[in-house]
Amino acid sequence: MKEKAQIMDKAAMERGITRISHEILERNKGTDDLIIVGIYRRGIPLAEKIAKKIMEIEHEEVPVGEIDVSSYRDDIEDRETARENMTKPDIDITGKKVVLVDDVLYTGRTIRAAMDALIDIGRPKLIQLAVLIDRGHRELPIRADYVGKNVPTSHSEIVNVNLDEVDGKTGVYILED
């Protein structure tokens, strides 16, 4: 795979996170009963960045959970290890407003798996979705409530989100063969 284009640099990503954070606060009328849950891998540092930005804006701490949905995916074989996916299970999501965070929304299958995992853990009041990149091509009827950037792509392209915490650099790139 080769890099076709950089579509967001660090500053653009920070602006997207700031906008998402403001929209979350506006739609939820503040931070009451709000929990942010990052989807493993890059959703976790993005969730932490959103929580940090909300703290800067509202001076209120929002709990951040982490979830690994790999065993809930419908495109894997081994489901025997399922149901041990919340890496921060000490957060009670029952009756709470949960904002799921991921880096890229594409087919919707990861988000469906995340919702299944959350519902196995508790019964949230509502689930909202925040993504840094929405690239379209849904296979399931799922849409993001909060989007950093809409990026129309072809099926042959890959959107690669890089974060300092995971990749040692920050930016969003389109890759192609």
N, C-alpha and C. Protein backbone atom coordinates (compact mmCIF):
# COMPACT_ATOMS: atom_id res chain seq x y z
N MET A 1 0.84 -1.19 0.00
CA MET A 1 0.00 0.00 0.00
C MET A 1 0.88 1.24 0.00
N LYS A 2 0.48 2.21 -0.78
CA LYS A 2 1.22 3.46 -0.80
C LYS A 2 0.29 4.60 -0.40
N GLU A 3 0.90 5.62 0.15
CA GLU A 3 0.14 6.78 0.60
C GLU A 3 -0.29 7.60 -0.61
N LYS A 4 -1.60 7.79 -0.75
CA LYS A 4 -2.16 8.58 -1.85
C LYS A 4 -2.27 10.05 -1.46
N ALA A 5 -2.75 10.30 -0.22
CA ALA A 5 -2.96 11.68 0.22
C ALA A 5 -3.08 11.73 1.73
N GLN A 6 -2.62 12.85 2.30
CA GLN A 6 -2.89 13.13 3.70
C GLN A 6 -4.13 14.02 3.73
N ILE A 7 -5.17 13.57 4.45
CA ILE A 7 -6.42 14.32 4.45
C ILE A 7 -6.63 15.13 5.73
N MET A 8 -5.88 14.79 6.78
CA MET A 8 -5.92 15.58 8.02
C MET A 8 -4.55 15.55 8.65
N ASP A 9 -4.09 16.72 9.09
CA ASP A 9 -2.86 16.77 9.87
C ASP A 9 -3.26 16.86 11.35
N LYS A 10 -2.27 16.99 12.21
CA LYS A 10 -2.54 17.01 13.65
C LYS A 10 -3.48 18.15 14.04
N ALA A 11 -3.28 19.33 13.47
CA ALA A 11 -4.14 20.48 13.81
C ALA A 11 -5.58 20.24 13.36
N ALA A 12 -5.77 19.67 12.18
CA ALA A 12 -7.13 19.39 11.69
C ALA A 12 -7.80 18.33 12.56
N MET A 13 -7.04 17.34 13.00
CA MET A 13 -7.59 16.32 13.89
C MET A 13 -8.02 16.94 15.21
N GLU A 14 -7.21 17.83 15.75
CA GLU A 14 -7.55 18.50 17.01
C GLU A 14 -8.81 19.35 16.86
N ARG A 15 -8.94 20.02 15.72
CA ARG A 15 -10.16 20.81 15.47
C ARG A 15 -11.38 19.90 15.41
N GLY A 16 -11.24 18.76 14.76
CA GLY A 16 -12.35 17.79 14.69
C GLY A 16 -12.74 17.29 16.07
N ILE A 17 -11.75 16.98 16.89
CA ILE A 17 -12.01 16.51 18.26
C ILE A 17 -12.68 17.61 19.09
N THR A 18 -12.24 18.84 18.92
CA THR A 18 -12.86 19.97 19.63
C THR A 18 -14.32 20.13 19.22
N ARG A 19 -14.58 20.07 17.91
CA ARG A 19 -15.95 20.20 17.42
C ARG A 19 -16.83 19.07 17.95
N ILE A 20 -16.34 17.84 17.88
CA ILE A 20 -17.08 16.69 18.39
C ILE A 20 -17.40 16.88 19.87
N SER A 21 -16.42 17.33 20.63
CA SER A 21 -16.61 17.53 22.08
C SER A 21 -17.69 18.55 22.37
N HIS A 22 -17.68 19.67 21.64
CA HIS A 22 -18.72 20.69 21.82
C HIS A 22 -20.09 20.13 21.44
N GLU A 23 -20.16 19.37 20.35
CA GLU A 23 -21.44 18.81 19.91
C GLU A 23 -21.98 17.81 20.93
N ILE A 24 -21.10 17.01 21.51
CA ILE A 24 -21.52 16.05 22.55
C ILE A 24 -22.13 16.80 23.73
N LEU A 25 -21.46 17.83 24.17
CA LEU A 25 -21.96 18.62 25.30
C LEU A 25 -23.29 19.28 24.98
N GLU A 26 -23.40 19.82 23.77
CA GLU A 26 -24.64 20.50 23.39
C GLU A 26 -25.80 19.51 23.31
N ARG A 27 -25.61 18.39 22.63
CA ARG A 27 -26.70 17.43 22.45
C ARG A 27 -27.13 16.80 23.78
N ASN A 28 -26.16 16.58 24.68
CA ASN A 28 -26.45 15.92 25.96
C ASN A 28 -26.70 16.91 27.10
N LYS A 29 -26.69 18.19 26.78
CA LYS A 29 -26.95 19.25 27.76
C LYS A 29 -25.99 19.14 28.95
N GLY A 30 -24.71 18.98 28.64
CA GLY A 30 -23.69 18.89 29.68
C GLY A 30 -23.15 17.49 29.83
N THR A 31 -22.64 17.20 31.03
CA THR A 31 -21.93 15.94 31.26
C THR A 31 -22.67 14.97 32.17
N ASP A 32 -23.86 15.32 32.64
CA ASP A 32 -24.60 14.43 33.55
C ASP A 32 -24.85 13.07 32.92
N ASP A 33 -24.47 12.01 33.64
CA ASP A 33 -24.68 10.62 33.22
C ASP A 33 -23.98 10.28 31.90
N LEU A 34 -22.95 11.01 31.54
CA LEU A 34 -22.23 10.80 30.29
C LEU A 34 -21.01 9.92 30.52
N ILE A 35 -20.84 8.93 29.66
CA ILE A 35 -19.65 8.06 29.67
C ILE A 35 -19.16 7.96 28.24
N ILE A 36 -17.85 8.05 28.08
CA ILE A 36 -17.25 7.90 26.76
C ILE A 36 -16.52 6.56 26.73
N VAL A 37 -16.79 5.77 25.69
CA VAL A 37 -16.18 4.45 25.57
C VAL A 37 -15.44 4.36 24.24
N GLY A 38 -14.13 4.16 24.33
CA GLY A 38 -13.31 4.03 23.13
C GLY A 38 -13.22 2.57 22.70
N ILE A 39 -13.32 2.37 21.39
CA ILE A 39 -13.22 1.02 20.82
C ILE A 39 -11.75 0.75 20.53
N TYR A 40 -11.28 -0.40 21.04
CA TYR A 40 -9.88 -0.79 20.83
C TYR A 40 -9.60 -0.82 19.35
N ARG A 41 -8.74 -0.15 18.98
CA ARG A 41 -7.41 0.29 19.25
C ARG A 41 -7.36 1.80 19.23
N ARG A 42 -7.62 2.40 18.11
CA ARG A 42 -7.46 3.85 18.03
C ARG A 42 -8.63 4.64 18.60
N GLY A 43 -9.74 3.99 18.86
CA GLY A 43 -10.87 4.67 19.49
C GLY A 43 -10.58 5.04 20.93
N ILE A 44 -9.69 4.29 21.58
CA ILE A 44 -9.38 4.56 22.99
C ILE A 44 -8.65 5.89 23.16
N PRO A 45 -7.53 6.14 22.44
CA PRO A 45 -6.91 7.45 22.61
C PRO A 45 -7.80 8.60 22.12
N LEU A 46 -8.63 8.35 21.11
CA LEU A 46 -9.55 9.40 20.67
C LEU A 46 -10.58 9.70 21.75
N ALA A 47 -11.09 8.66 22.43
CA ALA A 47 -12.03 8.86 23.54
C ALA A 47 -11.37 9.66 24.66
N GLU A 48 -10.13 9.35 24.96
CA GLU A 48 -9.41 10.09 26.00
C GLU A 48 -9.21 11.55 25.61
N LYS A 49 -8.95 11.81 24.34
CA LYS A 49 -8.79 13.19 23.87
C LYS A 49 -10.11 13.95 23.97
N ILE A 50 -11.22 13.30 23.64
CA ILE A 50 -12.53 13.94 23.75
C ILE A 50 -12.84 14.24 25.22
N ALA A 51 -12.58 13.29 26.10
CA ALA A 51 -12.82 13.51 27.53
C ALA A 51 -11.96 14.66 28.06
N LYS A 52 -10.72 14.72 27.60
CA LYS A 52 -9.82 15.81 28.02
C LYS A 52 -10.35 17.16 27.53
N LYS A 53 -10.82 17.19 26.30
CA LYS A 53 -11.36 18.44 25.74
C LYS A 53 -12.63 18.85 26.49
N ILE A 54 -13.48 17.88 26.83
CA ILE A 54 -14.70 18.19 27.61
C ILE A 54 -14.31 18.75 28.98
N MET A 55 -13.26 18.21 29.58
CA MET A 55 -12.77 18.72 30.87
C MET A 55 -12.32 20.18 30.73
N GLU A 56 -11.63 20.49 29.62
CA GLU A 56 -11.18 21.87 29.38
C GLU A 56 -12.37 22.81 29.21
N ILE A 57 -13.42 22.33 28.57
CA ILE A 57 -14.59 23.18 28.28
C ILE A 57 -15.48 23.34 29.50
N GLU A 58 -15.83 22.23 30.14
CA GLU A 58 -16.83 22.22 31.20
C GLU A 58 -16.25 22.14 32.61
N HIS A 59 -14.97 21.83 32.73
CA HIS A 59 -14.34 21.60 34.03
C HIS A 59 -15.03 20.47 34.78
N GLU A 60 -15.48 19.48 34.03
CA GLU A 60 -16.14 18.29 34.57
C GLU A 60 -15.44 17.07 33.99
N GLU A 61 -15.13 16.12 34.84
CA GLU A 61 -14.50 14.89 34.37
C GLU A 61 -15.56 13.91 33.90
N VAL A 62 -15.34 13.33 32.72
CA VAL A 62 -16.24 12.34 32.16
C VAL A 62 -15.51 11.00 32.19
N PRO A 63 -16.13 9.95 32.75
CA PRO A 63 -15.48 8.64 32.77
C PRO A 63 -15.23 8.13 31.35
N VAL A 64 -14.09 7.46 31.17
CA VAL A 64 -13.74 6.87 29.88
C VAL A 64 -13.58 5.37 30.06
N GLY A 65 -14.31 4.62 29.26
CA GLY A 65 -14.19 3.17 29.24
C GLY A 65 -13.48 2.73 27.98
N GLU A 66 -13.04 1.50 27.99
CA GLU A 66 -12.36 0.92 26.83
C GLU A 66 -13.02 -0.41 26.53
N ILE A 67 -13.21 -0.68 25.23
CA ILE A 67 -13.85 -1.94 24.87
C ILE A 67 -13.16 -2.54 23.65
N ASP A 68 -12.94 -3.85 23.72
CA ASP A 68 -12.37 -4.62 22.60
C ASP A 68 -13.51 -5.48 22.07
N VAL A 69 -13.90 -5.27 20.83
CA VAL A 69 -15.07 -5.94 20.28
C VAL A 69 -14.72 -7.11 19.35
N SER A 70 -13.46 -7.51 19.32
CA SER A 70 -13.03 -8.52 18.35
C SER A 70 -13.82 -9.81 18.45
N SER A 71 -14.18 -10.24 19.64
CA SER A 71 -14.93 -11.50 19.76
C SER A 71 -16.42 -11.33 19.49
N TYR A 72 -16.88 -10.11 19.29
CA TYR A 72 -18.27 -9.87 18.93
C TYR A 72 -18.46 -9.69 17.43
N ARG A 73 -17.37 -9.65 16.69
CA ARG A 73 -17.46 -9.44 15.24
C ARG A 73 -18.12 -10.62 14.57
N ASP A 74 -18.88 -10.35 13.53
CA ASP A 74 -19.54 -11.44 12.81
C ASP A 74 -18.66 -12.01 11.70
N ASP A 75 -17.45 -11.52 11.58
CA ASP A 75 -16.54 -12.01 10.54
C ASP A 75 -15.33 -12.73 11.13
N ILE A 76 -15.44 -13.23 12.37
CA ILE A 76 -14.38 -14.04 12.97
C ILE A 76 -14.95 -15.39 13.37
N GLU A 77 -14.09 -16.37 13.52
CA GLU A 77 -14.52 -17.73 13.81
C GLU A 77 -14.66 -18.02 15.30
N ASP A 78 -13.70 -17.59 16.11
CA ASP A 78 -13.65 -17.98 17.52
C ASP A 78 -14.42 -17.00 18.39
N ARG A 79 -15.58 -17.43 18.88
CA ARG A 79 -16.38 -16.59 19.77
C ARG A 79 -16.36 -17.11 21.19
N GLU A 80 -15.55 -18.13 21.44
CA GLU A 80 -15.50 -18.75 22.77
C GLU A 80 -14.96 -17.79 23.83
N THR A 81 -14.11 -16.85 23.42
CA THR A 81 -13.52 -15.93 24.39
C THR A 81 -14.35 -14.65 24.55
N ALA A 82 -15.54 -14.64 24.00
CA ALA A 82 -16.38 -13.45 24.05
C ALA A 82 -16.79 -13.12 25.48
N ARG A 83 -17.28 -11.92 25.65
CA ARG A 83 -17.87 -11.42 26.89
C ARG A 83 -16.84 -11.03 27.94
N GLU A 84 -15.58 -10.95 27.57
CA GLU A 84 -14.56 -10.46 28.50
C GLU A 84 -13.90 -9.23 27.88
N ASN A 85 -14.71 -8.40 27.26
CA ASN A 85 -14.16 -7.39 26.37
C ASN A 85 -14.02 -6.00 26.95
N MET A 86 -14.68 -5.68 28.03
CA MET A 86 -14.54 -4.35 28.58
C MET A 86 -13.25 -4.35 29.38
N THR A 87 -12.29 -3.57 28.94
CA THR A 87 -11.02 -3.56 29.66
C THR A 87 -11.07 -2.65 30.87
N LYS A 88 -12.11 -1.87 30.97
CA LYS A 88 -12.36 -1.08 32.18
C LYS A 88 -13.78 -1.39 32.64
N PRO A 89 -14.01 -2.61 33.16
CA PRO A 89 -15.37 -3.02 33.51
C PRO A 89 -15.92 -2.37 34.77
N ASP A 90 -15.09 -1.58 35.46
CA ASP A 90 -15.56 -0.96 36.69
C ASP A 90 -16.51 0.22 36.43
N ILE A 91 -16.73 0.56 35.17
CA ILE A 91 -17.65 1.64 34.84
C ILE A 91 -19.03 1.04 34.61
N ASP A 92 -20.00 1.51 35.37
CA ASP A 92 -21.38 1.03 35.22
C ASP A 92 -22.06 1.87 34.16
N ILE A 93 -22.47 1.24 33.06
CA ILE A 93 -23.10 1.97 31.97
C ILE A 93 -24.63 1.96 32.05
N THR A 94 -25.19 1.20 32.98
CA THR A 94 -26.64 1.09 33.08
C THR A 94 -27.26 2.46 33.38
N GLY A 95 -28.21 2.85 32.53
CA GLY A 95 -28.90 4.12 32.70
C GLY A 95 -28.09 5.33 32.28
N LYS A 96 -26.92 5.12 31.70
CA LYS A 96 -26.03 6.23 31.32
C LYS A 96 -26.14 6.53 29.83
N LYS A 97 -25.68 7.72 29.47
CA LYS A 97 -25.56 8.12 28.07
C LYS A 97 -24.15 7.74 27.63
N VAL A 98 -24.05 6.75 26.76
CA VAL A 98 -22.74 6.25 26.33
C VAL A 98 -22.43 6.79 24.94
N VAL A 99 -21.25 7.39 24.81
CA VAL A 99 -20.76 7.82 23.51
C VAL A 99 -19.64 6.86 23.12
N LEU A 100 -19.92 6.03 22.11
CA LEU A 100 -18.91 5.14 21.55
C LEU A 100 -18.00 5.95 20.66
N VAL A 101 -16.69 5.70 20.72
CA VAL A 101 -15.74 6.45 19.91
C VAL A 101 -14.88 5.47 19.11
N ASP A 102 -14.77 5.74 17.81
CA ASP A 102 -13.87 4.96 16.95
C ASP A 102 -13.20 5.90 15.97
N ASP A 103 -12.15 5.40 15.33
CA ASP A 103 -11.42 6.25 14.41
C ASP A 103 -12.12 6.39 13.06
N VAL A 104 -12.55 5.26 12.46
CA VAL A 104 -13.13 5.28 11.13
C VAL A 104 -14.44 4.50 11.13
N LEU A 105 -15.48 5.07 10.56
CA LEU A 105 -16.74 4.36 10.32
C LEU A 105 -16.77 4.00 8.84
N TYR A 106 -16.88 2.70 8.58
CA TYR A 106 -16.87 2.21 7.20
C TYR A 106 -18.12 1.35 6.97
N THR A 107 -18.06 0.06 7.23
CA THR A 107 -19.20 -0.82 6.98
C THR A 107 -20.24 -0.76 8.09
N GLY A 108 -19.82 -0.43 9.31
CA GLY A 108 -20.72 -0.40 10.46
C GLY A 108 -20.62 -1.66 11.31
N ARG A 109 -19.86 -2.66 10.87
CA ARG A 109 -19.78 -3.93 11.59
C ARG A 109 -19.09 -3.81 12.95
N THR A 110 -18.06 -2.99 13.05
CA THR A 110 -17.39 -2.79 14.33
C THR A 110 -18.34 -2.14 15.33
N ILE A 111 -19.11 -1.18 14.87
CA ILE A 111 -20.04 -0.48 15.75
C ILE A 111 -21.15 -1.42 16.21
N ARG A 112 -21.67 -2.25 15.32
CA ARG A 112 -22.68 -3.23 15.71
C ARG A 112 -22.12 -4.15 16.78
N ALA A 113 -20.88 -4.60 16.59
CA ALA A 113 -20.23 -5.47 17.59
C ALA A 113 -20.07 -4.73 18.92
N ALA A 114 -19.71 -3.45 18.86
CA ALA A 114 -19.55 -2.66 20.09
C ALA A 114 -20.87 -2.50 20.83
N MET A 115 -21.95 -2.29 20.10
CA MET A 115 -23.26 -2.17 20.75
C MET A 115 -23.66 -3.49 21.39
N ASP A 116 -23.41 -4.60 20.72
CA ASP A 116 -23.69 -5.92 21.33
C ASP A 116 -22.90 -6.09 22.62
N ALA A 117 -21.62 -5.74 22.59
CA ALA A 117 -20.78 -5.88 23.78
C ALA A 117 -21.28 -4.99 24.91
N LEU A 118 -21.63 -3.75 24.60
CA LEU A 118 -22.14 -2.84 25.62
C LEU A 118 -23.41 -3.38 26.27
N ILE A 119 -24.30 -3.90 25.47
CA ILE A 119 -25.57 -4.39 26.00
C ILE A 119 -25.37 -5.63 26.85
N ASP A 120 -24.32 -6.40 26.58
CA ASP A 120 -23.98 -7.53 27.45
C ASP A 120 -23.46 -7.06 28.81
N ILE A 121 -22.91 -5.85 28.85
CA ILE A 121 -22.32 -5.31 30.07
C ILE A 121 -23.37 -4.61 30.94
N GLY A 122 -24.33 -3.94 30.30
CA GLY A 122 -25.36 -3.20 31.02
C GLY A 122 -26.39 -2.67 30.05
N ARG A 123 -27.32 -1.89 30.56
CA ARG A 123 -28.37 -1.32 29.70
C ARG A 123 -28.26 0.20 29.73
N PRO A 124 -27.51 0.76 28.77
CA PRO A 124 -27.39 2.22 28.75
C PRO A 124 -28.71 2.90 28.41
N LYS A 125 -28.85 4.13 28.87
CA LYS A 125 -30.03 4.92 28.54
C LYS A 125 -30.07 5.16 27.04
N LEU A 126 -28.92 5.47 26.47
CA LEU A 126 -28.79 5.67 25.03
C LEU A 126 -27.34 5.46 24.63
N ILE A 127 -27.15 5.16 23.36
CA ILE A 127 -25.80 4.99 22.79
C ILE A 127 -25.70 5.95 21.62
N GLN A 128 -24.63 6.75 21.64
CA GLN A 128 -24.34 7.65 20.53
C GLN A 128 -22.99 7.25 19.96
N LEU A 129 -22.71 7.69 18.74
CA LEU A 129 -21.47 7.32 18.06
C LEU A 129 -20.71 8.55 17.61
N ALA A 130 -19.42 8.59 17.97
CA ALA A 130 -18.52 9.64 17.51
C ALA A 130 -17.37 8.98 16.75
N VAL A 131 -17.10 9.47 15.55
CA VAL A 131 -15.99 8.96 14.75
C VAL A 131 -15.18 10.12 14.19
N LEU A 132 -13.89 9.91 14.07
CA LEU A 132 -13.06 10.94 13.47
C LEU A 132 -13.31 11.02 11.97
N ILE A 133 -13.44 9.86 11.32
CA ILE A 133 -13.64 9.80 9.87
C ILE A 133 -14.85 8.94 9.54
N ASP A 134 -15.75 9.46 8.72
CA ASP A 134 -16.86 8.68 8.16
C ASP A 134 -16.60 8.56 6.67
N ARG A 135 -16.36 7.32 6.21
CA ARG A 135 -16.01 7.15 4.80
C ARG A 135 -17.12 6.53 3.97
N GLY A 136 -18.32 6.36 4.56
CA GLY A 136 -19.42 5.82 3.79
C GLY A 136 -19.32 4.31 3.61
N HIS A 137 -20.03 3.78 2.63
CA HIS A 137 -20.02 2.35 2.26
C HIS A 137 -20.61 1.46 3.34
N ARG A 138 -21.67 1.88 3.99
CA ARG A 138 -22.28 1.10 5.06
C ARG A 138 -22.87 -0.21 4.56
N GLU A 139 -22.68 -1.25 5.34
CA GLU A 139 -23.34 -2.54 5.12
C GLU A 139 -24.48 -2.73 6.11
N LEU A 140 -24.49 -1.94 7.15
CA LEU A 140 -25.52 -1.98 8.18
C LEU A 140 -26.10 -0.58 8.36
N PRO A 141 -27.34 -0.47 8.83
CA PRO A 141 -27.97 0.86 8.98
C PRO A 141 -27.48 1.58 10.23
N ILE A 142 -26.24 2.03 10.17
CA ILE A 142 -25.60 2.71 11.30
C ILE A 142 -25.07 4.05 10.81
N ARG A 143 -25.30 5.09 11.60
CA ARG A 143 -24.75 6.41 11.26
C ARG A 143 -24.13 7.03 12.50
N ALA A 144 -23.17 7.87 12.27
CA ALA A 144 -22.49 8.54 13.38
C ALA A 144 -23.28 9.78 13.80
N ASP A 145 -23.32 10.01 15.11
CA ASP A 145 -23.93 11.23 15.64
C ASP A 145 -22.97 12.40 15.57
N TYR A 146 -21.67 12.10 15.67
CA TYR A 146 -20.63 13.12 15.68
C TYR A 146 -19.52 12.67 14.74
N VAL A 147 -19.15 13.54 13.79
CA VAL A 147 -18.15 13.18 12.78
C VAL A 147 -17.11 14.30 12.68
N GLY A 148 -15.85 13.90 12.74
CA GLY A 148 -14.77 14.87 12.55
C GLY A 148 -14.67 15.30 11.10
N LYS A 149 -14.76 14.32 10.17
CA LYS A 149 -14.65 14.63 8.75
C LYS A 149 -15.29 13.51 7.94
N ASN A 150 -16.11 13.88 6.97
CA ASN A 150 -16.65 12.93 6.01
C ASN A 150 -15.67 12.82 4.85
N VAL A 151 -15.28 11.60 4.51
CA VAL A 151 -14.30 11.38 3.45
C VAL A 151 -14.83 10.32 2.49
N PRO A 152 -15.44 10.74 1.38
CA PRO A 152 -15.90 9.76 0.39
C PRO A 152 -14.68 9.03 -0.19
N THR A 153 -14.72 7.72 -0.19
CA THR A 153 -13.62 6.92 -0.70
C THR A 153 -14.16 5.80 -1.58
N SER A 154 -13.26 5.19 -2.34
CA SER A 154 -13.63 3.99 -3.08
C SER A 154 -13.38 2.79 -2.19
N HIS A 155 -13.95 1.64 -2.58
CA HIS A 155 -13.74 0.42 -1.79
C HIS A 155 -12.28 -0.01 -1.80
N SER A 156 -11.54 0.37 -2.83
CA SER A 156 -10.13 -0.06 -2.93
C SER A 156 -9.20 0.78 -2.08
N GLU A 157 -9.67 1.91 -1.62
CA GLU A 157 -8.83 2.78 -0.79
C GLU A 157 -8.96 2.39 0.68
N ILE A 158 -7.94 2.72 1.44
CA ILE A 158 -7.93 2.49 2.88
C ILE A 158 -7.70 3.83 3.55
N VAL A 159 -8.48 4.11 4.59
CA VAL A 159 -8.26 5.30 5.40
C VAL A 159 -7.47 4.87 6.62
N ASN A 160 -6.31 5.46 6.80
CA ASN A 160 -5.42 5.09 7.88
C ASN A 160 -5.28 6.27 8.85
N VAL A 161 -5.82 6.10 10.06
CA VAL A 161 -5.69 7.12 11.10
C VAL A 161 -4.46 6.78 11.92
N ASN A 162 -3.54 7.72 12.03
CA ASN A 162 -2.35 7.55 12.85
C ASN A 162 -2.44 8.47 14.06
N LEU A 163 -2.14 7.91 15.23
CA LEU A 163 -2.15 8.67 16.48
C LEU A 163 -0.80 8.48 17.16
N ASP A 164 -0.26 9.55 17.72
CA ASP A 164 1.02 9.47 18.42
C ASP A 164 1.04 8.33 19.43
N GLU A 165 -0.07 8.15 20.16
CA GLU A 165 -0.13 7.15 21.24
C GLU A 165 0.02 5.73 20.71
N VAL A 166 -0.37 5.49 19.47
CA VAL A 166 -0.34 4.14 18.90
C VAL A 166 0.73 3.99 17.84
N ASP A 167 0.88 5.01 16.99
CA ASP A 167 1.71 4.90 15.79
C ASP A 167 2.98 5.75 15.82
N GLY A 168 3.11 6.62 16.81
CA GLY A 168 4.28 7.48 16.86
C GLY A 168 4.21 8.69 15.95
N LYS A 169 3.10 8.87 15.25
CA LYS A 169 2.87 10.07 14.43
C LYS A 169 1.37 10.30 14.37
N THR A 170 0.97 11.50 13.98
CA THR A 170 -0.43 11.86 13.94
C THR A 170 -0.79 12.38 12.56
N GLY A 171 -1.89 11.86 12.02
CA GLY A 171 -2.41 12.29 10.73
C GLY A 171 -3.39 11.26 10.19
N VAL A 172 -4.16 11.68 9.19
CA VAL A 172 -5.08 10.76 8.53
C VAL A 172 -4.69 10.71 7.06
N TYR A 173 -4.53 9.48 6.56
CA TYR A 173 -4.01 9.26 5.22
C TYR A 173 -4.94 8.33 4.44
N ILE A 174 -5.00 8.55 3.13
CA ILE A 174 -5.66 7.60 2.24
C ILE A 174 -4.54 6.80 1.58
N LEU A 175 -4.68 5.47 1.65
CA LEU A 175 -3.72 4.55 1.04
C LEU A 175 -4.40 3.81 -0.12
N GLU A 176 -3.59 3.41 -1.10
CA GLU A 176 -4.10 2.61 -2.21
C GLU A 176 -3.00 1.67 -2.70
N ASP A 177 -3.42 0.65 -3.46
CA ASP A 177 -2.43 -0.28 -4.04
C ASP A 177 -1.60 0.38 -5.10
